[in-house]
Amino acid sequence: MSEIFGFERKEALALASLVVDLRITQIVNGVRGVHAVLPHGSIR
């Protein structure tokens, strides 16, 4: 978000805590896969 939208680190973290969705993608042998998804249109 900092590179694409030009937010400072603090602003990006604050915004991400509101709009980013975390999705568990796999759980194998105790190893977890997680994707952070930023929905289209959430930042204008």
N, C-alpha and C. Protein backbone atom coordinates (compact mmCIF):
# COMPACT_ATOMS: atom_id res chain seq x y z
N MET A 1 0.83 -1.19 0.00
CA MET A 1 0.00 0.00 0.00
C MET A 1 0.87 1.25 0.00
N SER A 2 2.03 1.14 0.63
CA SER A 2 2.94 2.29 0.65
C SER A 2 3.47 2.59 -0.75
N GLU A 3 3.86 1.54 -1.46
CA GLU A 3 4.43 1.74 -2.80
C GLU A 3 3.37 2.14 -3.82
N ILE A 4 2.23 1.49 -3.78
CA ILE A 4 1.21 1.72 -4.80
C ILE A 4 0.42 3.00 -4.56
N PHE A 5 0.01 3.23 -3.30
CA PHE A 5 -0.87 4.36 -3.01
C PHE A 5 -0.16 5.53 -2.34
N GLY A 6 1.10 5.35 -1.95
CA GLY A 6 1.87 6.44 -1.37
C GLY A 6 1.59 6.73 0.09
N PHE A 7 1.01 5.78 0.82
CA PHE A 7 0.75 5.98 2.24
C PHE A 7 2.04 5.81 3.04
N GLU A 8 2.13 6.53 4.12
CA GLU A 8 3.21 6.29 5.09
C GLU A 8 2.92 4.96 5.78
N ARG A 9 3.93 4.37 6.40
CA ARG A 9 3.79 3.06 7.04
C ARG A 9 2.66 3.04 8.07
N LYS A 10 2.59 4.06 8.93
CA LYS A 10 1.55 4.11 9.96
C LYS A 10 0.16 4.17 9.34
N GLU A 11 0.00 4.98 8.31
CA GLU A 11 -1.30 5.10 7.65
C GLU A 11 -1.70 3.78 6.99
N ALA A 12 -0.75 3.12 6.33
CA ALA A 12 -1.03 1.85 5.66
C ALA A 12 -1.44 0.78 6.67
N LEU A 13 -0.76 0.71 7.79
CA LEU A 13 -1.11 -0.27 8.82
C LEU A 13 -2.49 0.00 9.41
N ALA A 14 -2.80 1.26 9.65
CA ALA A 14 -4.10 1.62 10.20
C ALA A 14 -5.22 1.29 9.20
N LEU A 15 -5.01 1.60 7.95
CA LEU A 15 -6.01 1.31 6.93
C LEU A 15 -6.15 -0.19 6.71
N ALA A 16 -5.04 -0.91 6.70
CA ALA A 16 -5.08 -2.36 6.51
C ALA A 16 -5.86 -3.04 7.62
N SER A 17 -5.75 -2.54 8.83
CA SER A 17 -6.47 -3.16 9.94
C SER A 17 -7.98 -3.06 9.76
N LEU A 18 -8.43 -2.11 8.93
CA LEU A 18 -9.86 -1.93 8.68
C LEU A 18 -10.35 -2.68 7.45
N VAL A 19 -9.56 -2.73 6.38
CA VAL A 19 -10.08 -3.22 5.10
C VAL A 19 -9.50 -4.54 4.61
N VAL A 20 -8.36 -4.96 5.11
CA VAL A 20 -7.73 -6.19 4.61
C VAL A 20 -8.40 -7.41 5.24
N ASP A 21 -8.69 -8.39 4.39
CA ASP A 21 -9.32 -9.64 4.81
C ASP A 21 -8.23 -10.72 4.82
N LEU A 22 -8.08 -11.44 5.94
CA LEU A 22 -7.11 -12.53 6.03
C LEU A 22 -7.83 -13.84 5.78
N ARG A 23 -7.28 -14.64 4.87
CA ARG A 23 -7.89 -15.92 4.52
C ARG A 23 -6.90 -17.05 4.74
N ILE A 24 -7.33 -18.05 5.48
CA ILE A 24 -6.52 -19.25 5.68
C ILE A 24 -6.65 -20.10 4.42
N THR A 25 -5.51 -20.41 3.78
CA THR A 25 -5.56 -21.11 2.51
C THR A 25 -5.19 -22.58 2.63
N GLN A 26 -4.39 -22.93 3.63
CA GLN A 26 -4.06 -24.34 3.81
C GLN A 26 -3.58 -24.58 5.23
N ILE A 27 -3.86 -25.76 5.70
CA ILE A 27 -3.31 -26.20 6.98
C ILE A 27 -2.81 -27.63 6.75
N VAL A 28 -1.50 -27.80 6.65
CA VAL A 28 -0.91 -29.09 6.38
C VAL A 28 0.22 -29.32 7.38
N ASN A 29 0.13 -30.39 8.13
CA ASN A 29 1.19 -30.75 9.09
C ASN A 29 1.55 -29.60 10.01
N GLY A 30 0.56 -28.83 10.42
CA GLY A 30 0.82 -27.71 11.33
C GLY A 30 1.32 -26.44 10.65
N VAL A 31 1.52 -26.48 9.33
CA VAL A 31 1.96 -25.29 8.58
C VAL A 31 0.73 -24.60 8.04
N ARG A 32 0.61 -23.32 8.30
CA ARG A 32 -0.56 -22.55 7.87
C ARG A 32 -0.21 -21.62 6.73
N GLY A 33 -1.10 -21.52 5.77
CA GLY A 33 -0.95 -20.56 4.68
C GLY A 33 -2.00 -19.48 4.84
N VAL A 34 -1.59 -18.23 4.80
CA VAL A 34 -2.53 -17.11 4.98
C VAL A 34 -2.30 -16.10 3.86
N HIS A 35 -3.39 -15.64 3.25
CA HIS A 35 -3.33 -14.58 2.26
C HIS A 35 -4.03 -13.34 2.80
N ALA A 36 -3.43 -12.20 2.60
CA ALA A 36 -4.06 -10.92 2.94
C ALA A 36 -4.66 -10.36 1.65
N VAL A 37 -5.98 -10.14 1.66
CA VAL A 37 -6.70 -9.70 0.47
C VAL A 37 -7.21 -8.28 0.67
N LEU A 38 -6.83 -7.41 -0.25
CA LEU A 38 -7.31 -6.03 -0.25
C LEU A 38 -8.39 -5.93 -1.32
N PRO A 39 -9.66 -5.82 -0.93
CA PRO A 39 -10.75 -5.80 -1.90
C PRO A 39 -10.64 -4.61 -2.88
N HIS A 40 -11.06 -4.86 -4.13
CA HIS A 40 -11.07 -3.79 -5.12
C HIS A 40 -12.01 -2.68 -4.67
N GLY A 41 -11.61 -1.45 -4.87
CA GLY A 41 -12.45 -0.32 -4.51
C GLY A 41 -12.41 0.08 -3.06
N SER A 42 -11.64 -0.62 -2.23
CA SER A 42 -11.60 -0.27 -0.82
C SER A 42 -10.77 0.99 -0.57
N ILE A 43 -9.88 1.31 -1.51
CA ILE A 43 -9.08 2.53 -1.43
C ILE A 43 -9.32 3.32 -2.70
N ARG A 44 -9.78 4.52 -2.55
CA ARG A 44 -10.06 5.35 -3.74
C ARG A 44 -9.22 6.58 -3.73
